Amino acid sequence: MTGGLSGRRFFITGAARGIGAACVARLVAAGAAVAAFDRDADALAALSAKFPGVVVVPGDVSSSADVDAAVATGASRLGGIDALICSAGIDLVGALDQTSDEAWRRIFSVNLDGAMHACRAALPHLRKSGKASIVNVSSGAGLQPLKFRTAYSASKAALQMFSKALALEAAEHGIRVNAVCPGAVETDLLRQSIDAAADPAAARETVRQRYALGRIADADEIAAAILWLSSTEASYVTGIAMAVDGGRTFH
């Protein structure tokens, strides 16, 4: 899909790996301008080497100061921002009574606060676009929870409601806000979770069997949905939580 993306200016958090990097690759191919934000400086450098025209800005999404500075840099380098994609996220697996306050807060500081920081910083620029959009990457775990992921599931459900509330607030400025809810995706985050299991092969099979389509998604499949929502082709779509999850939640 390339329609409705050429010439649009994107700021992406969590852009160096996984779903964020897949979005960058599709956007570059479609003729969009991209600013990529991520805390992994080495991965950002690799992204820049692969896509020299992409503006790369390192920083931590949980830091409002880092995000404010990065958005300002991205807007300056791109000449404005038409679309924001908040893809930064982390996972936490474990029983609640073994979850520390610090671990709980870290999940929310990245998965929810990080998106809030980016949306808040980008809004003044998005209001000037006239055709702006925000897509927050939530999770199917925010629609139908997963065992031993209380913090992760709660943070992703909160991100969906944040997106819907912001859609009401931003509509008067012509800004659309949506959330995408992926299922299991073949990313470093998933592989780390599976590799930490006592039997990684059995853990992968357990994950696979949750899905009606019987497989784990490729990051590019999630990027396709995100970019459709970000494009002018989705001009009448706002306030939704779109499940792109191979049939796990049937939401």
C-alpha atoms as a PDB file:
ATOM      1  CA  MET A   1       0.000   0.000   0.000  1.00  0.00           C
ATOM      2  CA  THR A   2       1.431   3.370  -1.027  1.00  0.00           C
ATOM      3  CA  GLY A   3      -1.674   5.502  -1.542  1.00  0.00           C
ATOM      4  CA  GLY A   4      -2.157   8.405   0.824  1.00  0.00           C
ATOM      5  CA  LEU A   5       1.367   8.241   2.267  1.00  0.00           C
ATOM      6  CA  SER A   6       3.652   9.924  -0.249  1.00  0.00           C
ATOM      7  CA  GLY A   7       4.847  13.291   0.997  1.00  0.00           C
ATOM      8  CA  ARG A   8       3.446  12.835   4.518  1.00  0.00           C
ATOM      9  CA  ARG A   9       5.783  13.519   7.440  1.00  0.00           C
ATOM     10  CA  PHE A  10       5.947  10.855  10.146  1.00  0.00           C
ATOM     11  CA  PHE A  11       7.413  10.776  13.641  1.00  0.00           C
ATOM     12  CA  ILE A  12       7.783   7.220  14.982  1.00  0.00           C
ATOM     13  CA  THR A  13       8.726   6.082  18.480  1.00  0.00           C
ATOM     14  CA  GLY A  14      10.261   2.655  18.961  1.00  0.00           C
ATOM     15  CA  ALA A  15      11.383   2.980  15.356  1.00  0.00           C
ATOM     16  CA  ALA A  16      14.657   1.057  15.374  1.00  0.00           C
ATOM     17  CA  ARG A  17      13.302  -2.478  15.709  1.00  0.00           C
ATOM     18  CA  GLY A  18      10.252  -4.657  15.214  1.00  0.00           C
ATOM     19  CA  ILE A  19       6.983  -3.054  14.199  1.00  0.00           C
ATOM     20  CA  GLY A  20       8.443   0.456  14.256  1.00  0.00           C
ATOM     21  CA  ALA A  21      11.262  -0.492  11.876  1.00  0.00           C
ATOM     22  CA  ALA A  22       8.772  -2.242   9.590  1.00  0.00           C
ATOM     23  CA  CYS A  23       6.775   1.004   9.458  1.00  0.00           C
ATOM     24  CA  VAL A  24       9.918   2.941   8.553  1.00  0.00           C
ATOM     25  CA  ALA A  25      10.723   0.572   5.687  1.00  0.00           C
ATOM     26  CA  ARG A  26       7.203   0.792   4.247  1.00  0.00           C
ATOM     27  CA  LEU A  27       7.069   4.569   4.596  1.00  0.00           C
ATOM     28  CA  VAL A  28      10.404   5.116   2.878  1.00  0.00           C
ATOM     29  CA  ALA A  29       9.235   2.910  -0.010  1.00  0.00           C
ATOM     30  CA  ALA A  30       6.004   4.907  -0.204  1.00  0.00           C
ATOM     31  CA  GLY A  31       7.779   8.261  -0.452  1.00  0.00           C
ATOM     32  CA  ALA A  32       7.029   9.555   3.039  1.00  0.00           C
ATOM     33  CA  ALA A  33       9.435  11.569   5.200  1.00  0.00           C
ATOM     34  CA  VAL A  34      10.333   9.946   8.522  1.00  0.00           C
ATOM     35  CA  ALA A  35      11.853  10.899  11.857  1.00  0.00           C
ATOM     36  CA  ALA A  36      12.792   7.813  13.899  1.00  0.00           C
ATOM     37  CA  PHE A  37      13.060   7.914  17.698  1.00  0.00           C
ATOM     38  CA  ASP A  38      14.454   5.076  19.816  1.00  0.00           C
ATOM     39  CA  ARG A  39      16.618   4.533  22.897  1.00  0.00           C
ATOM     40  CA  ASP A  40      18.804   1.949  21.084  1.00  0.00           C
ATOM     41  CA  ALA A  41      21.484   4.143  19.515  1.00  0.00           C
ATOM     42  CA  ASP A  42      23.181   1.234  17.734  1.00  0.00           C
ATOM     43  CA  ALA A  43      19.946   0.057  16.145  1.00  0.00           C
ATOM     44  CA  LEU A  44      19.180   3.636  15.125  1.00  0.00           C
ATOM     45  CA  ALA A  45      22.599   3.879  13.464  1.00  0.00           C
ATOM     46  CA  ALA A  46      21.877   0.687  11.516  1.00  0.00           C
ATOM     47  CA  LEU A  47      18.487   2.088  10.498  1.00  0.00           C
ATOM     48  CA  SER A  48      20.132   5.305   9.328  1.00  0.00           C
ATOM     49  CA  ALA A  49      22.693   3.378   7.281  1.00  0.00           C
ATOM     50  CA  LYS A  50      19.896   1.419   5.601  1.00  0.00           C
ATOM     51  CA  PHE A  51      17.666   4.457   5.036  1.00  0.00           C
ATOM     52  CA  PRO A  52      19.952   7.532   4.798  1.00  0.00           C
ATOM     53  CA  GLY A  53      17.072   9.960   4.346  1.00  0.00           C
ATOM     54  CA  VAL A  54      15.472   9.081   7.692  1.00  0.00           C
ATOM     55  CA  VAL A  55      16.030  11.557  10.532  1.00  0.00           C
ATOM     56  CA  VAL A  56      17.191   9.577  13.569  1.00  0.00           C
ATOM     57  CA  VAL A  57      16.845  10.937  17.092  1.00  0.00           C
ATOM     58  CA  PRO A  58      17.968   8.890  20.137  1.00  0.00           C
ATOM     59  CA  GLY A  59      16.206   9.092  23.481  1.00  0.00           C
ATOM     60  CA  ASP A  60      14.017   7.358  26.035  1.00  0.00           C
ATOM     61  CA  VAL A  61      10.254   7.556  25.461  1.00  0.00           C
ATOM     62  CA  SER A  62       9.638   7.440  29.221  1.00  0.00           C
ATOM     63  CA  SER A  63      11.435  10.797  29.549  1.00  0.00           C
ATOM     64  CA  SER A  64       9.191  13.718  28.627  1.00  0.00           C
ATOM     65  CA  ALA A  65      12.287  15.903  28.192  1.00  0.00           C
ATOM     66  CA  ASP A  66      13.797  13.444  25.687  1.00  0.00           C
ATOM     67  CA  VAL A  67      10.529  13.192  23.769  1.00  0.00           C
ATOM     68  CA  ASP A  68       9.927  16.950  23.710  1.00  0.00           C
ATOM     69  CA  ALA A  69      13.415  17.550  22.320  1.00  0.00           C
ATOM     70  CA  ALA A  70      13.123  14.745  19.785  1.00  0.00           C
ATOM     71  CA  VAL A  71       9.740  15.871  18.468  1.00  0.00           C
ATOM     72  CA  ALA A  72      11.032  19.428  18.137  1.00  0.00           C
ATOM     73  CA  THR A  73      14.046  18.153  16.193  1.00  0.00           C
ATOM     74  CA  GLY A  74      11.927  15.922  13.991  1.00  0.00           C
ATOM     75  CA  ALA A  75       9.445  18.690  13.206  1.00  0.00           C
ATOM     76  CA  SER A  76      12.273  21.072  12.386  1.00  0.00           C
ATOM     77  CA  ARG A  77      14.083  18.619  10.112  1.00  0.00           C
ATOM     78  CA  LEU A  78      10.918  17.444   8.350  1.00  0.00           C
ATOM     79  CA  GLY A  79       9.274  20.850   8.115  1.00  0.00           C
ATOM     80  CA  GLY A  80       6.344  19.688  10.252  1.00  0.00           C
ATOM     81  CA  ILE A  81       4.606  16.491  11.333  1.00  0.00           C
ATOM     82  CA  ASP A  82       1.522  14.985   9.702  1.00  0.00           C
ATOM     83  CA  ALA A  83       1.431  11.649  11.478  1.00  0.00           C
ATOM     84  CA  LEU A  84       2.616  10.141  14.753  1.00  0.00           C
ATOM     85  CA  ILE A  85       3.124   6.417  15.350  1.00  0.00           C
ATOM     86  CA  CYS A  86       3.791   5.379  18.937  1.00  0.00           C
ATOM     87  CA  SER A  87       5.359   1.933  18.668  1.00  0.00           C
ATOM     88  CA  ALA A  88       7.683   1.871  21.698  1.00  0.00           C
ATOM     89  CA  GLY A  89       6.745  -0.809  24.186  1.00  0.00           C
ATOM     90  CA  ILE A  90       8.105  -3.326  26.668  1.00  0.00           C
ATOM     91  CA  ASP A  91       6.764  -6.542  28.167  1.00  0.00           C
ATOM     92  CA  LEU A  92       6.718  -8.028  31.660  1.00  0.00           C
ATOM     93  CA  VAL A  93       5.925 -11.658  32.445  1.00  0.00           C
ATOM     94  CA  GLY A  94       5.387 -12.797  36.010  1.00  0.00           C
ATOM     95  CA  ALA A  95       2.942 -13.339  38.840  1.00  0.00           C
ATOM     96  CA  LEU A  96       1.533 -10.194  40.399  1.00  0.00           C
ATOM     97  CA  ASP A  97       2.784 -11.014  43.885  1.00  0.00           C
ATOM     98  CA  GLN A  98       6.298 -11.185  42.450  1.00  0.00           C
ATOM     99  CA  THR A  99       6.006  -7.864  40.599  1.00  0.00           C
ATOM    100  CA  SER A 100       7.853  -4.974  42.209  1.00  0.00           C
ATOM    101  CA  ASP A 101       6.596  -1.409  42.274  1.00  0.00           C
ATOM    102  CA  GLU A 102       9.541  -0.441  40.083  1.00  0.00           C
ATOM    103  CA  ALA A 103       8.766  -3.093  37.437  1.00  0.00           C
ATOM    104  CA  TRP A 104       5.079  -2.111  37.385  1.00  0.00           C
ATOM    105  CA  ARG A 105       5.883   1.567  36.998  1.00  0.00           C
ATOM    106  CA  ARG A 106       8.450   0.883  34.274  1.00  0.00           C
ATOM    107  CA  ILE A 107       5.821  -0.902  32.144  1.00  0.00           C
ATOM    108  CA  PHE A 108       3.429   2.028  32.436  1.00  0.00           C
ATOM    109  CA  SER A 109       6.173   4.626  31.975  1.00  0.00           C
ATOM    110  CA  VAL A 110       6.984   3.184  28.542  1.00  0.00           C
ATOM    111  CA  ASN A 111       3.713   1.679  27.292  1.00  0.00           C
ATOM    112  CA  LEU A 112       1.347   4.429  28.450  1.00  0.00           C
ATOM    113  CA  ASP A 113       3.339   7.474  29.582  1.00  0.00           C
ATOM    114  CA  GLY A 114       5.612   7.186  26.543  1.00  0.00           C
ATOM    115  CA  ALA A 115       2.671   7.474  24.159  1.00  0.00           C
ATOM    116  CA  MET A 116       1.267  10.360  26.188  1.00  0.00           C
ATOM    117  CA  HIS A 117       4.611  12.189  26.034  1.00  0.00           C
ATOM    118  CA  ALA A 118       4.799  11.766  22.258  1.00  0.00           C
ATOM    119  CA  CYS A 119       1.165  12.734  21.622  1.00  0.00           C
ATOM    120  CA  ARG A 120       1.409  15.797  23.856  1.00  0.00           C
ATOM    121  CA  ALA A 121       4.617  16.977  22.213  1.00  0.00           C
ATOM    122  CA  ALA A 122       3.359  16.329  18.674  1.00  0.00           C
ATOM    123  CA  LEU A 123      -0.109  17.888  18.984  1.00  0.00           C
ATOM    124  CA  PRO A 124       0.961  21.508  18.265  1.00  0.00           C
ATOM    125  CA  HIS A 125       2.605  20.313  15.050  1.00  0.00           C
ATOM    126  CA  LEU A 126      -0.233  17.970  14.085  1.00  0.00           C
ATOM    127  CA  ARG A 127      -2.806  20.774  14.450  1.00  0.00           C
ATOM    128  CA  LYS A 128      -1.037  22.637  11.638  1.00  0.00           C
ATOM    129  CA  SER A 129      -1.231  19.681   9.247  1.00  0.00           C
ATOM    130  CA  GLY A 130      -4.931  19.681   8.407  1.00  0.00           C
ATOM    131  CA  LYS A 131      -4.790  15.932   7.692  1.00  0.00           C
ATOM    132  CA  ALA A 132      -3.071  14.581  10.782  1.00  0.00           C
ATOM    133  CA  SER A 133      -3.245  11.185  12.417  1.00  0.00           C
ATOM    134  CA  ILE A 134      -1.972   9.355  15.475  1.00  0.00           C
ATOM    135  CA  VAL A 135      -1.692   5.591  15.759  1.00  0.00           C
ATOM    136  CA  ASN A 136      -0.791   4.088  19.132  1.00  0.00           C
ATOM    137  CA  VAL A 137       0.416   0.497  19.094  1.00  0.00           C
ATOM    138  CA  SER A 138      -1.493  -1.312  21.822  1.00  0.00           C
ATOM    139  CA  SER A 139      -1.890  -5.104  21.989  1.00  0.00           C
ATOM    140  CA  GLY A 140      -4.429  -7.870  21.767  1.00  0.00           C
ATOM    141  CA  ALA A 141      -3.571  -8.362  25.447  1.00  0.00           C
ATOM    142  CA  GLY A 142      -5.386  -5.092  26.075  1.00  0.00           C
ATOM    143  CA  LEU A 143      -8.549  -6.594  24.561  1.00  0.00           C
ATOM    144  CA  GLN A 144      -8.292 -10.092  26.009  1.00  0.00           C
ATOM    145  CA  PRO A 145      -5.745 -10.455  28.826  1.00  0.00           C
ATOM    146  CA  LEU A 146      -2.896 -12.929  29.074  1.00  0.00           C
ATOM    147  CA  LYS A 147      -2.019 -14.882  32.212  1.00  0.00           C
ATOM    148  CA  PHE A 148       0.974 -13.551  34.169  1.00  0.00           C
ATOM    149  CA  ARG A 149       0.879 -10.257  32.272  1.00  0.00           C
ATOM    150  CA  THR A 150      -1.173  -8.059  34.590  1.00  0.00           C
ATOM    151  CA  ALA A 151       0.996  -4.970  34.132  1.00  0.00           C
ATOM    152  CA  TYR A 152       1.370  -5.404  30.375  1.00  0.00           C
ATOM    153  CA  SER A 153      -2.327  -6.116  29.773  1.00  0.00           C
ATOM    154  CA  ALA A 154      -3.406  -3.210  31.982  1.00  0.00           C
ATOM    155  CA  SER A 155      -1.017  -0.768  30.309  1.00  0.00           C
ATOM    156  CA  LYS A 156      -2.189  -1.737  26.829  1.00  0.00           C
ATOM    157  CA  ALA A 157      -5.880  -1.528  27.774  1.00  0.00           C
ATOM    158  CA  ALA A 158      -5.211   1.917  29.244  1.00  0.00           C
ATOM    159  CA  LEU A 159      -3.486   2.947  26.007  1.00  0.00           C
ATOM    160  CA  GLN A 160      -6.617   2.075  24.047  1.00  0.00           C
ATOM    161  CA  MET A 161      -8.850   4.221  26.248  1.00  0.00           C
ATOM    162  CA  PHE A 162      -6.271   7.009  26.158  1.00  0.00           C
ATOM    163  CA  SER A 163      -6.421   6.864  22.353  1.00  0.00           C
ATOM    164  CA  LYS A 164     -10.226   6.974  22.279  1.00  0.00           C
ATOM    165  CA  ALA A 165     -10.408   9.899  24.688  1.00  0.00           C
ATOM    166  CA  LEU A 166      -7.770  11.770  22.712  1.00  0.00           C
ATOM    167  CA  ALA A 167      -9.706  11.080  19.495  1.00  0.00           C
ATOM    168  CA  LEU A 168     -12.610  13.092  20.934  1.00  0.00           C
ATOM    169  CA  GLU A 169     -10.313  15.914  22.007  1.00  0.00           C
ATOM    170  CA  ALA A 170      -8.309  16.075  18.787  1.00  0.00           C
ATOM    171  CA  ALA A 171     -11.176  15.768  16.306  1.00  0.00           C
ATOM    172  CA  GLU A 172     -11.932  19.492  16.330  1.00  0.00           C
ATOM    173  CA  HIS A 173      -8.432  20.035  14.941  1.00  0.00           C
ATOM    174  CA  GLY A 174      -8.854  17.458  12.182  1.00  0.00           C
ATOM    175  CA  ILE A 175      -6.586  14.948  13.936  1.00  0.00           C
ATOM    176  CA  ARG A 176      -7.587  11.283  13.868  1.00  0.00           C
ATOM    177  CA  VAL A 177      -6.451   9.003  16.717  1.00  0.00           C
ATOM    178  CA  ASN A 178      -6.582   5.205  16.592  1.00  0.00           C
ATOM    179  CA  ALA A 179      -4.988   2.207  18.263  1.00  0.00           C
ATOM    180  CA  VAL A 180      -3.753  -0.994  16.666  1.00  0.00           C
ATOM    181  CA  CYS A 181      -3.854  -4.171  18.755  1.00  0.00           C
ATOM    182  CA  PRO A 182      -1.411  -6.782  17.431  1.00  0.00           C
ATOM    183  CA  GLY A 183      -1.279 -10.396  18.462  1.00  0.00           C
ATOM    184  CA  ALA A 184       2.024 -12.233  18.716  1.00  0.00           C
ATOM    185  CA  VAL A 185       4.548 -10.730  16.304  1.00  0.00           C
ATOM    186  CA  GLU A 186       7.945 -12.107  15.311  1.00  0.00           C
ATOM    187  CA  THR A 187      10.050  -9.416  16.998  1.00  0.00           C
ATOM    188  CA  ASP A 188      12.969  -9.263  19.420  1.00  0.00           C
ATOM    189  CA  LEU A 189      10.460  -8.661  22.230  1.00  0.00           C
ATOM    190  CA  LEU A 190       8.608 -11.922  21.501  1.00  0.00           C
ATOM    191  CA  ARG A 191      11.806 -13.900  21.008  1.00  0.00           C
ATOM    192  CA  GLN A 192      13.182 -12.714  24.344  1.00  0.00           C
ATOM    193  CA  SER A 193      10.003 -13.833  26.086  1.00  0.00           C
ATOM    194  CA  ILE A 194      10.029 -17.249  24.397  1.00  0.00           C
ATOM    195  CA  ASP A 195      13.762 -17.817  24.919  1.00  0.00           C
ATOM    196  CA  ALA A 196      13.336 -17.125  28.649  1.00  0.00           C
ATOM    197  CA  ALA A 197      10.938 -20.081  28.977  1.00  0.00           C
ATOM    198  CA  ALA A 198      12.108 -23.421  30.344  1.00  0.00           C
ATOM    199  CA  ASP A 199      11.181 -25.029  27.008  1.00  0.00           C
ATOM    200  CA  PRO A 200      11.316 -22.380  24.248  1.00  0.00           C
ATOM    201  CA  ALA A 201       9.955 -24.723  21.564  1.00  0.00           C
ATOM    202  CA  ALA A 202       6.942 -25.611  23.696  1.00  0.00           C
ATOM    203  CA  ALA A 203       6.433 -21.948  24.581  1.00  0.00           C
ATOM    204  CA  ARG A 204       6.402 -20.967  20.900  1.00  0.00           C
ATOM    205  CA  GLU A 205       3.878 -23.714  20.130  1.00  0.00           C
ATOM    206  CA  THR A 206       1.633 -22.532  22.983  1.00  0.00           C
ATOM    207  CA  VAL A 207       1.699 -19.011  21.542  1.00  0.00           C
ATOM    208  CA  ARG A 208       0.988 -20.217  18.017  1.00  0.00           C
ATOM    209  CA  GLN A 209      -2.031 -22.238  19.096  1.00  0.00           C
ATOM    210  CA  ARG A 210      -3.785 -19.175  20.525  1.00  0.00           C
ATOM    211  CA  TYR A 211      -4.456 -17.867  17.017  1.00  0.00           C
ATOM    212  CA  ALA A 212      -7.173 -18.912  14.586  1.00  0.00           C
ATOM    213  CA  LEU A 213      -4.729 -18.508  11.701  1.00  0.00           C
ATOM    214  CA  GLY A 214      -2.294 -20.812  13.487  1.00  0.00           C
ATOM    215  CA  ARG A 215       0.800 -18.673  13.170  1.00  0.00           C
ATOM    216  CA  ILE A 216       2.746 -15.735  14.557  1.00  0.00           C
ATOM    217  CA  ALA A 217       2.590 -12.505  12.558  1.00  0.00           C
ATOM    218  CA  ASP A 218       5.396 -10.796  10.724  1.00  0.00           C
ATOM    219  CA  ALA A 219       6.051  -7.204  11.790  1.00  0.00           C
ATOM    220  CA  ASP A 220       5.333  -6.023   8.248  1.00  0.00           C
ATOM    221  CA  GLU A 221       1.749  -7.284   8.532  1.00  0.00           C
ATOM    222  CA  ILE A 222       1.148  -5.053  11.540  1.00  0.00           C
ATOM    223  CA  ALA A 223       2.879  -2.137   9.826  1.00  0.00           C
ATOM    224  CA  ALA A 224       0.447  -2.440   6.914  1.00  0.00           C
ATOM    225  CA  ALA A 225      -2.522  -1.871   9.232  1.00  0.00           C
ATOM    226  CA  ILE A 226      -0.809   1.006  11.033  1.00  0.00           C
ATOM    227  CA  LEU A 227       0.021   2.770   7.795  1.00  0.00           C
ATOM    228  CA  TRP A 228      -3.484   2.356   6.424  1.00  0.00           C
ATOM    229  CA  LEU A 229      -4.843   4.082   9.543  1.00  0.00           C
ATOM    230  CA  SER A 230      -2.146   6.753   9.116  1.00  0.00           C
ATOM    231  CA  SER A 231      -2.989   7.380   5.478  1.00  0.00           C
ATOM    232  CA  THR A 232      -5.526   9.723   3.950  1.00  0.00           C
ATOM    233  CA  GLU A 233      -7.359   6.595   2.739  1.00  0.00           C
ATOM    234  CA  ALA A 234      -8.588   6.172   6.343  1.00  0.00           C
ATOM    235  CA  SER A 235      -9.825   9.747   6.531  1.00  0.00           C
ATOM    236  CA  TYR A 236     -13.128   8.807   8.229  1.00  0.00           C
ATOM    237  CA  VAL A 237     -11.685   6.406  10.802  1.00  0.00           C
ATOM    238  CA  THR A 238     -10.988   7.616  14.332  1.00  0.00           C
ATOM    239  CA  GLY A 239     -11.320   6.337  17.887  1.00  0.00           C
ATOM    240  CA  ILE A 240     -11.022   2.631  17.096  1.00  0.00           C
ATOM    241  CA  ALA A 241      -8.944  -0.171  18.590  1.00  0.00           C
ATOM    242  CA  MET A 242      -8.208  -2.352  15.561  1.00  0.00           C
ATOM    243  CA  ALA A 243      -7.352  -5.975  16.341  1.00  0.00           C
ATOM    244  CA  VAL A 244      -4.662  -7.271  13.969  1.00  0.00           C
ATOM    245  CA  ASP A 245      -4.167 -10.516  15.809  1.00  0.00           C
ATOM    246  CA  GLY A 246      -4.785 -13.519  13.605  1.00  0.00           C
ATOM    247  CA  GLY A 247      -8.117 -14.211  15.266  1.00  0.00           C
ATOM    248  CA  ARG A 248      -7.191 -14.460  18.951  1.00  0.00           C
ATOM    249  CA  THR A 249      -9.632 -11.918  20.367  1.00  0.00           C
ATOM    250  CA  PHE A 250     -12.356 -11.639  17.678  1.00  0.00           C
ATOM    251  CA  HIS A 251     -12.934  -8.172  19.064  1.00  0.00           C
END
